[in-house]
Amino acid sequence: MRFAWAFGAFAFAFPTVAAAQLHGDVSAQAGVMHRFMTDRAGGSDAGFGPVGQLTGHVALLPLVHVGAYFGHDLSPIPDVGDGGVRDITFGGLRAKVLLPWIRGRAHAWAFVGIGYAGVYSRSYHVTVNVPDDLGGKTASASRVEGAGGSFVDLPLGIGASYKLYGAWELTGELAGRFGFGHTGSVYEAPGPQLTLADKTSQNVSPAGLDRFALGLTAGILLRL
């Protein structure tokens, strides 16, 4: 009988103990990102654009947390006419290691992850010179159609937070992002389709590869 009572008490208390041992955090951050493009066929690099990201972690070990990330950024290309903007949505798994010598109300960490990024380059209008029947050139309005692609996303960086009230903390991260394995018409020849009035459709050169990006974000973190 005593064993039955002891077993019942342990079974009742186990979920509470397990919950007490489960620690982690979730955060929402926003900021700015610049993507550095390589293998471009002339033209300027991408400009600065806004970025937002959600992250969540659970404590695998006291100083090692594992979780996931999901985000989106806008990457403008200034020299491709009106509306040359790429939408990049990314997500994957990540881990962060807390720095043990920073304690009290502040926390700091280094993180690394691996994931996948989907890209959509919005359509835009440009003016190009096309040959006429007399051997000259005339200006013609044209449309570069939307194009898609993807690549493997490898983020890494540092972060910090400071306790505001209760479980709420102010947080920020400085992240570098490496990209490889680029596929899709936005990256690969012949490139996005160019539609000319009364002309056979052609293509424009791909904008370049997203090999590296640097972003700075800030937001709110809830410690669980």
Protein backbone atom coordinates (compact mmCIF):
# COMPACT_ATOMS: atom_id res chain seq x y z
CA MET A 1 0.00 0.00 0.00
CA ARG A 2 2.78 2.41 0.90
CA PHE A 3 4.45 1.63 -2.45
CA ALA A 4 1.22 2.42 -4.29
CA TRP A 5 0.88 5.77 -2.50
CA ALA A 6 4.52 6.63 -3.22
CA PHE A 7 4.17 5.68 -6.88
CA GLY A 8 1.00 7.76 -7.24
CA ALA A 9 2.63 10.77 -5.61
CA PHE A 10 5.64 10.48 -7.95
CA ALA A 11 3.43 10.15 -11.04
CA PHE A 12 1.44 13.21 -9.98
CA ALA A 13 4.54 15.29 -9.30
CA PHE A 14 6.57 14.25 -12.36
CA PRO A 15 4.86 16.59 -14.87
CA THR A 16 5.43 19.50 -12.49
CA VAL A 17 9.11 18.63 -12.05
CA ALA A 18 9.60 18.16 -15.79
CA ALA A 19 7.94 21.49 -16.51
CA ALA A 20 10.12 23.20 -13.94
CA GLN A 21 13.22 21.82 -15.66
CA LEU A 22 12.14 22.99 -19.11
CA HIS A 23 13.65 26.39 -19.87
CA GLY A 24 13.86 28.35 -23.08
CA ASP A 25 12.89 31.57 -24.79
CA VAL A 26 10.97 33.06 -27.70
CA SER A 27 11.70 36.40 -29.34
CA ALA A 28 10.46 38.74 -32.06
CA GLN A 29 12.97 41.10 -33.65
CA ALA A 30 13.12 43.62 -36.50
CA GLY A 31 15.95 45.60 -38.06
CA VAL A 32 17.95 46.13 -41.22
CA MET A 33 19.88 43.79 -43.51
CA HIS A 34 22.29 44.23 -46.39
CA ARG A 35 22.88 41.38 -48.84
CA PHE A 36 26.19 41.35 -50.68
CA MET A 37 25.77 39.87 -54.16
CA THR A 38 28.50 38.18 -56.18
CA ASP A 39 28.78 37.14 -59.85
CA ARG A 40 26.81 40.16 -61.00
CA ALA A 41 26.91 41.17 -64.67
CA GLY A 42 27.55 44.85 -63.91
CA GLY A 43 25.40 47.23 -61.87
CA SER A 44 25.42 48.15 -58.22
CA ASP A 45 25.01 45.86 -55.23
CA ALA A 46 21.73 45.32 -53.40
CA GLY A 47 20.70 48.06 -50.98
CA PHE A 48 19.72 48.01 -47.33
CA GLY A 49 16.29 46.59 -46.56
CA PRO A 50 14.06 45.79 -43.56
CA VAL A 51 14.10 42.38 -41.91
CA GLY A 52 11.97 40.66 -39.28
CA GLN A 53 12.60 37.39 -37.48
CA LEU A 54 11.02 35.05 -34.93
CA THR A 55 13.12 32.62 -32.88
CA GLY A 56 12.44 30.03 -30.22
CA HIS A 57 14.71 27.79 -28.14
CA VAL A 58 14.60 25.15 -25.41
CA ALA A 59 17.50 24.35 -23.07
CA LEU A 60 19.26 21.18 -24.14
CA LEU A 61 21.95 21.88 -21.50
CA PRO A 62 22.19 24.82 -19.06
CA LEU A 63 24.33 26.80 -21.52
CA VAL A 64 23.24 25.19 -24.81
CA HIS A 65 19.82 26.01 -26.27
CA VAL A 66 18.43 24.59 -29.51
CA GLY A 67 15.45 25.75 -31.53
CA ALA A 68 14.24 27.24 -34.78
CA TYR A 69 14.08 30.53 -36.63
CA PHE A 70 11.80 32.06 -39.27
CA GLY A 71 12.11 35.43 -40.96
CA HIS A 72 11.62 37.63 -44.01
CA ASP A 73 13.54 40.52 -45.53
CA LEU A 74 13.20 42.88 -48.49
CA SER A 75 16.32 43.27 -50.64
CA PRO A 76 16.12 46.23 -53.05
CA ILE A 77 18.29 46.46 -56.19
CA PRO A 78 18.53 50.19 -56.98
CA ASP A 79 19.73 50.05 -60.60
CA VAL A 80 17.08 47.83 -62.21
CA GLY A 81 14.25 50.30 -62.71
CA ASP A 82 11.18 50.97 -60.61
CA GLY A 83 10.31 48.27 -58.13
CA GLY A 84 13.41 46.07 -58.27
CA VAL A 85 12.81 44.36 -54.92
CA ARG A 86 13.41 40.77 -53.87
CA ASP A 87 11.36 39.08 -51.16
CA ILE A 88 13.46 36.56 -49.21
CA THR A 89 11.81 34.24 -46.69
CA PHE A 90 14.08 32.05 -44.59
CA GLY A 91 13.77 29.49 -41.82
CA GLY A 92 15.52 26.56 -40.22
CA LEU A 93 17.15 25.20 -37.09
CA ARG A 94 19.65 26.96 -34.87
CA ALA A 95 21.57 26.56 -31.63
CA LYS A 96 22.97 29.14 -29.25
CA VAL A 97 25.59 28.89 -26.53
CA LEU A 98 25.23 31.25 -23.58
CA LEU A 99 28.37 33.03 -22.40
CA PRO A 100 28.80 31.99 -18.73
CA TRP A 101 30.76 35.04 -17.57
CA ILE A 102 27.84 37.41 -18.31
CA ARG A 103 25.25 37.05 -15.55
CA GLY A 104 22.65 38.94 -13.57
CA ARG A 105 20.11 40.94 -15.58
CA ALA A 106 22.11 40.56 -18.80
CA HIS A 107 22.70 37.54 -21.03
CA ALA A 108 24.86 37.06 -24.11
CA TRP A 109 25.32 34.23 -26.58
CA ALA A 110 26.79 33.06 -29.85
CA PHE A 111 24.57 31.22 -32.32
CA VAL A 112 24.74 29.18 -35.52
CA GLY A 113 22.06 27.63 -37.68
CA ILE A 114 21.21 26.00 -40.97
CA GLY A 115 18.09 26.44 -43.02
CA TYR A 116 16.53 27.25 -46.37
CA ALA A 117 15.67 30.55 -48.06
CA GLY A 118 13.06 31.07 -50.77
CA VAL A 119 13.43 34.09 -53.06
CA TYR A 120 10.96 35.96 -55.26
CA SER A 121 12.19 38.84 -57.40
CA ARG A 122 9.23 41.10 -58.12
CA SER A 123 8.42 42.17 -61.66
CA TYR A 124 9.36 45.72 -62.67
CA HIS A 125 9.30 48.03 -65.69
CA VAL A 126 12.38 49.26 -67.53
CA THR A 127 13.13 51.22 -70.69
CA VAL A 128 15.47 49.54 -73.17
CA ASN A 129 16.82 50.41 -76.61
CA VAL A 130 15.72 47.99 -79.35
CA PRO A 131 16.73 47.98 -83.05
CA ASP A 132 14.16 49.22 -85.56
CA ASP A 133 13.66 48.16 -89.18
CA LEU A 134 16.02 50.90 -90.41
CA GLY A 135 18.98 49.74 -88.36
CA GLY A 136 18.60 52.39 -85.68
CA LYS A 137 17.51 52.07 -82.08
CA THR A 138 14.33 53.20 -80.40
CA ALA A 139 13.45 53.34 -76.72
CA SER A 140 10.82 50.86 -75.68
CA ALA A 141 9.09 50.24 -72.37
CA SER A 142 9.36 46.65 -71.25
CA ARG A 143 8.61 44.48 -68.28
CA VAL A 144 10.95 42.14 -66.43
CA GLU A 145 8.78 39.33 -65.14
CA GLY A 146 8.92 38.00 -61.61
CA ALA A 147 11.41 35.21 -60.96
CA GLY A 148 11.93 32.75 -58.14
CA GLY A 149 14.75 30.79 -56.58
CA SER A 150 16.16 29.34 -53.39
CA PHE A 151 19.40 28.64 -51.54
CA VAL A 152 20.76 27.08 -48.36
CA ASP A 153 20.90 29.61 -45.52
CA LEU A 154 23.69 29.45 -42.91
CA PRO A 155 23.29 32.12 -40.17
CA LEU A 156 25.78 32.77 -37.39
CA GLY A 157 26.43 35.65 -35.03
CA ILE A 158 26.19 37.04 -31.52
CA GLY A 159 23.30 38.27 -29.38
CA ALA A 160 22.50 39.81 -26.03
CA SER A 161 19.52 40.60 -23.84
CA TYR A 162 18.76 42.68 -20.77
CA LYS A 163 15.96 41.99 -18.31
CA LEU A 164 13.24 44.65 -18.28
CA TYR A 165 10.48 43.24 -16.07
CA GLY A 166 9.63 39.71 -15.00
CA ALA A 167 10.29 37.32 -17.86
CA TRP A 168 10.48 40.10 -20.48
CA GLU A 169 13.84 41.19 -21.87
CA LEU A 170 15.14 43.63 -24.46
CA THR A 171 17.24 41.72 -27.01
CA GLY A 172 19.38 42.27 -30.08
CA GLU A 173 21.48 40.24 -32.50
CA LEU A 174 24.22 40.89 -35.04
CA ALA A 175 24.08 38.15 -37.67
CA GLY A 176 26.02 37.16 -40.73
CA ARG A 177 24.33 34.86 -43.23
CA PHE A 178 26.12 32.70 -45.80
CA GLY A 179 24.31 31.32 -48.82
CA PHE A 180 25.15 28.47 -51.16
CA GLY A 181 23.42 26.01 -53.47
CA HIS A 182 21.52 28.73 -55.38
CA THR A 183 18.85 27.53 -57.81
CA GLY A 184 16.02 29.06 -59.82
CA SER A 185 15.59 31.58 -62.62
CA VAL A 186 16.48 34.51 -60.36
CA TYR A 187 20.01 33.06 -60.06
CA GLU A 188 20.56 30.81 -63.06
CA ALA A 189 20.89 31.57 -66.78
CA PRO A 190 19.09 32.57 -68.89
CA GLY A 191 17.63 34.66 -66.07
CA PRO A 192 14.27 36.41 -65.59
CA GLN A 193 12.09 36.83 -68.66
CA LEU A 194 11.99 40.23 -70.42
CA THR A 195 8.73 41.03 -72.20
CA LEU A 196 8.92 43.58 -75.04
CA ALA A 197 5.88 44.95 -76.85
CA ASP A 198 5.48 43.31 -80.29
CA LYS A 199 8.81 41.51 -79.86
CA THR A 200 9.88 37.99 -79.07
CA SER A 201 10.35 37.48 -75.34
CA GLN A 202 13.95 37.60 -74.16
CA ASN A 203 15.77 37.30 -70.85
CA VAL A 204 17.85 39.55 -68.63
CA SER A 205 20.98 38.45 -66.81
CA PRO A 206 20.52 37.08 -63.27
CA ALA A 207 21.02 39.75 -60.60
CA GLY A 208 23.79 37.80 -58.84
CA LEU A 209 24.20 35.31 -56.02
CA ASP A 210 23.40 35.97 -52.36
CA ARG A 211 26.68 34.74 -50.91
CA PHE A 212 26.69 36.83 -47.72
CA ALA A 213 24.41 39.13 -45.75
CA LEU A 214 24.85 41.21 -42.61
CA GLY A 215 21.92 42.11 -40.40
CA LEU A 216 21.26 43.94 -37.14
CA THR A 217 17.99 43.38 -35.29
CA ALA A 218 16.42 44.32 -31.97
CA GLY A 219 13.23 43.31 -30.22
CA ILE A 220 11.59 41.62 -27.25
CA LEU A 221 12.46 38.26 -25.71
CA LEU A 222 10.24 36.24 -23.37
CA ARG A 223 12.17 33.86 -21.12
CA LEU A 224 10.25 30.66 -20.35
